[in-house]
Structure formats: structure tokens, C-alpha cells
Protein backbone atom coordinates (compact mmCIF):
# COMPACT_ATOMS: atom_id res chain seq x y z
CA MET A 1 95.19 115.81 -27.62
CA ARG A 2 95.68 115.01 -31.32
CA PRO A 3 97.18 118.43 -32.21
CA ASN A 4 99.79 117.90 -29.51
CA LEU A 5 100.61 114.41 -30.80
CA LEU A 6 100.98 115.72 -34.34
CA GLN A 7 103.78 117.97 -33.13
CA HIS A 8 105.88 114.87 -32.53
CA ALA A 9 104.88 112.54 -35.38
CA LYS A 10 102.66 112.44 -38.45
CA GLY A 11 99.81 110.06 -39.07
CA TRP A 12 97.80 110.22 -35.85
CA PRO A 13 94.21 109.25 -36.79
CA THR A 14 91.18 111.43 -36.25
CA VAL A 15 88.43 110.59 -33.79
CA ALA A 16 86.17 109.66 -36.70
CA ALA A 17 88.78 107.28 -38.10
CA LEU A 18 89.20 105.55 -34.72
CA GLU A 19 85.45 105.21 -34.22
CA ALA A 20 85.09 103.72 -37.70
CA ALA A 21 87.69 101.07 -36.87
CA ILE A 22 85.88 99.85 -33.74
CA THR A 23 83.46 96.98 -34.23
CA THR A 24 81.98 93.99 -32.43
CA GLY A 25 82.55 90.26 -32.67
CA PRO A 26 80.35 87.29 -31.76
CA THR A 27 78.00 88.03 -28.88
CA LYS A 28 78.54 84.66 -27.17
CA SER A 29 81.77 83.23 -25.79
CA GLY A 30 83.83 80.58 -27.54
CA MET A 31 82.74 78.31 -30.33
CA ALA A 32 79.12 78.61 -29.20
CA GLY A 33 79.20 82.18 -30.46
CA ILE A 34 80.38 81.68 -34.03
CA ASP A 35 77.98 81.66 -36.99
CA PRO A 36 79.73 81.42 -40.38
CA GLY A 37 76.40 81.90 -42.13
CA SER A 38 75.88 85.28 -40.48
CA PRO A 39 79.33 86.54 -39.47
CA SER A 40 79.77 89.38 -37.01
CA PRO A 41 80.95 92.85 -38.11
CA ALA A 42 84.37 92.19 -36.55
CA THR A 43 84.69 88.95 -38.51
CA LYS A 44 83.98 90.76 -41.76
CA ALA A 45 86.49 93.47 -40.85
CA LEU A 46 89.16 90.87 -40.05
CA ILE A 47 88.65 89.09 -43.37
CA ALA A 48 88.84 92.41 -45.21
CA ALA A 49 92.09 93.26 -43.40
CA VAL A 50 93.71 89.99 -44.45
CA ASP A 51 92.50 90.45 -48.02
CA ARG A 52 94.06 93.90 -48.39
CA PRO A 53 96.77 94.06 -51.10
CA ASP A 54 99.58 94.14 -48.55
CA ASP A 55 102.38 91.58 -48.40
CA ARG A 56 103.05 92.13 -44.71
CA PRO A 57 101.74 89.57 -42.18
CA LEU A 58 98.68 90.54 -40.15
CA TRP A 59 99.00 90.08 -36.39
CA VAL A 60 95.92 89.13 -34.40
CA THR A 61 96.45 89.90 -30.72
CA ALA A 62 93.89 88.03 -28.63
CA TRP A 63 93.30 89.58 -25.21
CA GLY A 64 90.36 87.30 -24.52
CA GLY A 65 88.95 84.40 -26.47
CA PRO A 66 89.77 84.51 -30.22
CA ASN A 67 86.36 83.40 -31.49
CA THR A 68 86.22 86.30 -33.95
CA LEU A 69 89.24 84.73 -35.64
CA ALA A 70 87.62 81.29 -35.41
CA GLU A 71 84.51 82.65 -37.12
CA ALA A 72 86.59 84.32 -39.85
CA LEU A 73 88.49 81.10 -40.55
CA SER A 74 85.21 79.17 -40.66
CA VAL A 75 83.80 81.59 -43.21
CA ILE A 76 86.91 81.37 -45.38
CA ARG A 77 86.98 77.58 -45.26
CA GLN A 78 83.36 77.40 -46.40
CA THR A 79 83.65 79.95 -49.18
CA ARG A 80 87.13 79.55 -50.70
CA SER A 81 89.32 76.89 -52.25
CA LYS A 82 91.98 75.06 -50.25
CA GLU A 83 94.72 77.07 -51.96
CA GLN A 84 92.95 80.32 -51.07
CA VAL A 85 92.48 79.19 -47.48
CA ASP A 86 96.17 78.32 -47.22
CA ARG A 87 97.16 81.77 -48.50
CA PHE A 88 94.78 83.42 -46.05
CA VAL A 89 96.16 81.44 -43.09
CA ALA A 90 99.77 82.02 -44.14
CA LYS A 91 99.27 85.77 -43.80
CA LEU A 92 98.13 85.54 -40.17
CA ARG A 93 100.19 85.67 -36.96
CA VAL A 94 98.44 85.12 -33.63
CA TYR A 95 99.57 85.99 -30.11
CA ALA A 96 97.00 84.94 -27.51
CA ILE A 97 97.00 85.77 -23.81
CA SER A 98 96.53 82.13 -22.79
CA ASP A 99 93.32 80.28 -23.77
CA GLN A 100 90.33 82.16 -22.40
CA ASP A 101 87.67 80.09 -24.18
CA ASP A 102 87.54 76.95 -26.32
CA SER A 103 88.08 78.65 -29.69
CA GLY A 104 91.88 78.87 -29.44
CA GLY A 105 92.33 75.11 -29.19
CA TRP A 106 89.87 74.59 -32.05
CA ILE A 107 91.77 77.03 -34.28
CA ARG A 108 95.09 75.29 -33.63
CA ARG A 109 93.62 71.87 -34.36
CA GLU A 110 91.75 72.86 -37.50
CA PHE A 111 94.39 75.14 -39.06
CA PRO A 112 97.79 73.57 -38.39
CA GLY A 113 99.58 75.95 -40.76
CA LEU A 114 98.71 78.99 -38.64
CA GLN A 115 101.54 80.62 -36.65
CA TYR A 116 100.20 80.74 -33.10
CA VAL A 117 101.95 82.04 -29.97
CA VAL A 118 100.28 80.94 -26.73
CA SER A 119 100.73 79.30 -23.36
CA PRO A 120 97.84 76.78 -23.57
CA SER A 121 95.59 76.79 -20.53
CA ALA A 122 92.74 74.55 -19.48
CA SER A 123 91.54 77.07 -16.87
CA PRO A 124 92.48 80.42 -15.28
CA ASP A 125 94.49 78.42 -12.74
CA ASP A 126 97.08 77.92 -15.50
CA TYR A 127 97.60 81.65 -16.09
CA ALA A 128 100.17 82.00 -13.28
CA GLY A 129 102.80 80.05 -15.19
CA ALA A 130 102.28 81.86 -18.51
CA THR A 131 105.03 84.00 -19.97
CA TRP A 132 102.81 87.08 -20.37
CA THR A 133 102.45 87.42 -16.57
CA GLY A 134 106.00 88.78 -16.61
CA ILE A 135 104.56 92.15 -17.63
CA SER A 136 103.58 92.91 -14.01
CA GLY A 137 102.35 89.77 -12.27
CA ASP A 138 105.29 89.34 -9.90
CA SER A 139 103.37 89.66 -6.63
CA PHE A 140 99.91 88.64 -7.86
CA TYR A 141 101.16 85.36 -9.32
CA GLY A 142 104.27 84.99 -7.18
CA ASN A 143 106.74 84.96 -10.08
CA ASP A 144 110.33 86.23 -9.64
CA VAL A 145 109.20 88.52 -6.82
CA GLU A 146 112.67 89.01 -5.36
CA ALA A 147 114.59 89.54 -8.62
CA ALA A 148 112.19 91.67 -10.66
CA ASP A 149 112.13 95.45 -10.28
CA ARG A 150 108.57 96.30 -9.24
CA SER A 151 109.01 100.06 -9.01
CA GLU A 152 107.09 100.73 -12.26
CA ILE A 153 104.17 98.31 -12.06
CA GLY A 154 101.88 99.67 -9.37
CA ASP A 155 99.42 102.42 -8.59
CA ALA A 156 102.10 104.65 -7.05
CA TRP A 157 104.06 104.78 -10.31
CA LEU A 158 100.88 105.21 -12.35
CA ASP A 159 99.81 108.12 -10.14
CA ALA A 160 103.17 109.81 -10.57
CA HIS A 161 103.66 109.29 -14.30
CA ILE A 162 100.46 108.23 -16.11
CA ARG A 163 97.35 109.52 -14.34
CA LYS A 164 97.84 113.06 -15.58
CA GLY A 165 95.66 115.27 -17.78
CA PRO A 166 92.31 114.48 -19.42
CA LEU A 167 93.42 111.13 -20.87
CA GLY A 168 95.83 109.80 -18.25
CA SER A 169 93.42 110.55 -15.42
CA LEU A 170 91.09 107.88 -16.84
CA TYR A 171 93.62 105.09 -16.26
CA PRO A 172 91.88 102.71 -13.81
CA LYS A 173 93.21 101.48 -10.51
CA VAL A 174 95.03 98.15 -10.70
CA GLU A 175 92.69 95.33 -9.68
CA TYR A 176 94.71 92.30 -10.75
CA ILE A 177 97.88 93.13 -12.66
CA MET A 178 98.88 96.21 -14.65
CA GLU A 179 98.76 95.92 -18.46
CA GLY A 180 98.31 92.15 -18.38
CA ASP A 181 97.41 91.88 -22.08
CA THR A 182 100.13 94.24 -23.31
CA PRO A 183 102.71 91.52 -24.23
CA SER A 184 100.46 90.42 -27.10
CA TRP A 185 101.44 93.50 -29.11
CA LEU A 186 104.49 94.84 -27.27
CA GLY A 187 106.79 92.59 -29.29
CA LEU A 188 105.65 94.39 -32.45
CA THR A 189 107.26 97.64 -31.29
CA ALA A 190 109.99 98.86 -33.63
CA ASN A 191 112.67 98.85 -30.94
CA GLY A 192 115.50 97.16 -32.86
CA LEU A 193 114.97 93.68 -31.41
CA ASP A 194 112.83 92.53 -34.40
CA SER A 195 111.22 89.81 -32.28
CA ALA A 196 108.16 89.87 -34.57
CA LEU A 197 110.28 88.11 -37.20
CA SER A 198 110.80 85.13 -34.89
CA PRO A 199 109.26 84.48 -31.46
CA ALA A 200 112.48 82.61 -30.58
CA TRP A 201 114.57 85.77 -30.66
CA GLY A 202 112.99 87.27 -27.57
CA GLY A 203 111.81 90.80 -27.00
CA TRP A 204 109.32 92.94 -25.14
CA GLY A 205 106.62 90.30 -25.71
CA GLY A 206 108.79 87.45 -24.36
CA ARG A 207 110.67 84.51 -25.83
CA TYR A 208 109.10 81.33 -27.18
CA VAL A 209 110.10 77.99 -28.68
CA PHE A 210 108.46 75.93 -31.40
CA ARG A 211 107.41 72.66 -29.78
CA GLN A 212 104.39 70.45 -29.16
CA PRO A 213 103.04 70.84 -25.61
CA TYR A 214 101.02 68.08 -23.95
CA GLY A 215 97.46 68.06 -25.27
CA GLU A 216 98.26 69.88 -28.51
CA THR A 217 97.91 68.19 -31.89
CA ARG A 218 100.99 69.88 -33.36
CA ALA A 219 103.90 72.15 -32.54
CA ILE A 220 103.15 75.79 -31.70
CA TRP A 221 105.13 78.79 -30.49
CA THR A 222 104.98 78.43 -26.73
CA GLN A 223 107.07 78.30 -23.57
CA GLY A 224 109.03 75.47 -22.00
CA GLY A 225 111.37 72.98 -23.58
CA MET A 226 114.57 71.44 -22.30
CA PRO A 227 118.07 72.92 -22.72
CA ILE A 228 119.50 69.46 -23.39
CA TYR A 229 117.49 69.37 -26.61
CA GLY A 230 118.37 72.91 -27.61
CA ALA A 231 114.82 74.21 -27.06
CA ASN A 232 114.40 76.41 -24.04
CA SER A 233 112.29 79.55 -23.76
CA ARG A 234 113.60 80.75 -20.38
CA ASP A 235 116.03 83.63 -19.85
CA ARG A 236 118.57 83.89 -17.04
CA VAL A 237 118.40 87.48 -15.81
CA THR A 238 120.24 89.31 -13.06
CA GLY A 239 117.73 91.54 -11.32
CA VAL A 240 117.37 93.62 -8.19
CA GLY A 241 120.23 93.30 -5.72
CA GLY A 242 122.11 90.94 -8.00
CA ARG A 243 119.47 88.24 -7.58
CA VAL A 244 119.31 85.84 -10.53
CA ALA A 245 116.07 84.54 -12.04
CA LEU A 246 115.71 81.80 -14.65
CA SER A 247 112.16 81.84 -15.93
CA ASP A 248 109.78 82.49 -18.80
CA GLN A 249 108.44 85.57 -17.04
CA ALA A 250 111.96 87.04 -16.97
CA THR A 251 111.93 87.14 -20.78
CA ILE A 252 109.43 90.00 -20.41
CA TRP A 253 110.22 91.74 -17.12
CA ARG A 254 113.89 92.07 -18.07
CA TRP A 255 112.75 94.82 -20.48
CA ARG A 256 110.38 96.50 -18.03
CA ASN A 257 112.25 99.80 -17.82
CA ALA A 258 113.26 99.92 -21.49
CA PRO A 259 110.26 101.81 -23.00
CA SER A 260 110.76 104.80 -20.70
CA ARG A 261 114.41 104.97 -21.68
CA MET A 262 113.91 105.02 -25.44
CA ILE A 263 115.18 108.21 -26.99
CA SER A 264 113.65 109.99 -29.98
CA PRO A 265 115.09 112.96 -31.94
CA ARG A 266 112.97 115.21 -29.73
CA GLY A 267 114.12 113.58 -26.48
CA SER A 268 112.60 111.01 -24.20
CA ILE A 269 109.37 109.44 -25.39
CA GLY A 270 108.74 107.61 -22.14
CA PRO A 271 106.75 108.78 -19.11
């Protein structure tokens, strides 16, 4: 697999390098799992990544609960000066797939200077309204079902284009939604939209506004807002059959076909 990839681009890591980068975080969920006095291997790795001599921001993409980040911040706060803590926090960018434990809310309360992108949720019942569900949750969550093109988000498309060869054949059957966590890093793709520079610009990871939702102690990058006040995260998109959708989910599904249409010097890089 790697020799084939190297024919198209340099820098693909070895198996050993990938295995060395994989580690484990706290063994219990949420704040109950953190232990600043005996931090997990993933916590130590995260701190080391932030401390690298690199001026670029470090993105933390949370597909579940972010208690590894909570533990890292706890360690830093106990072992460094306020100025050092502020520099550490300023280097971080977080995109969380909703709140899947209690550590996300704690982080936002305790470290108000941290850039945090999230649709806050008290329970899984709140996931349906979250922006990230626009990746493929049209039918499962009932969002923009008529307007969104669903031709590339199901098992039929995966069978035809992805489940091929020794690696693709391992792609599992869709149980809930396809690639539900993908928006957390998709906006970091170098596709010309530069949405990583500002969540308000919109891109493959969605569009967000800086405001203070109900229950939050300060403003965060999130969805919602009112057009009358100049803060509105929704996109108006013309979809299938000319149907128009105005929603947060549309800020993601509007780009659904774009990755497979990107062109490289060697030709299509999509499926």
C-alpha cells in the first residue's frame, strides 16, 4: 500500500511510525477519568505536541469526549505559570463532535481563552440539530432530506467506490451515519477555502459564529445566531431538484461531492 502511495506524493509514514504515534488516554469517561498526578500516555503526547518549537496552531479534533485534553490542561495549570498556561492554551484549536461527556463543558468554563468549536449538547438527543450531522445524517436525523444529494452517503456508494482491495474492503457497514466524525478535521483540508483560519468563513467542516449559547459561561464558536444581529451560521443552498435548504447542516452537505472532484497534477484524487 505505502509504495503505491509514494508514487503520488512524498512523506507517507511507515507502519512503525504510525504505530509509534498511537497511544491511549484516560481509561474512564469524562472528568472522572482524569488524573493530573499520573497523566495518561496520550496526555503526555498531547502536551509534547503543543510544546514543539512550531508556531502553527495545534488542532485537537474530539470524536468522543475530550478528557485527554482536559487532563493535559489540568497538568499544565498545576505545573506552569499563568503566562505559560496562557501561551499553551493560545496554541490550541478544538473542534468537538458535540459534547459526549462532561469534560468539554469543564474545559470551556475553566479555560475561557481556548478557541473551541462545538454544538453544545446535554444528551445524545441534541445531536440531531448539530452542524456536523450534515456530513451524512440526512435520513437518520431527518435533516434536509429532500434537498441534499444522498447518492454518495450510503452502503451502495461505498460498495462501488471504497470497499475495494485489502484496505477498502475493511470499511464497515453503515450502522448510524457514514463518517459522522469527519467534519472535525475535514475543514483542515488544503482545498483553497482556508476555513481553518476562521470558523466563520465556512468550508468542508461547516460554518460557525462566535456567540454565547444558553448555558455557556462565555462565547464559543458554535451554530445559530440571528441574521438581524449579523450573526448567522446557516447557509442557503439550492440542492436536488432545485429545492432550497436553509440550515446549519447545509454548510457541510453543500460540499459533499467536492472531494471526489478535486484534481491533482496526476488526475483525479477522488474515488
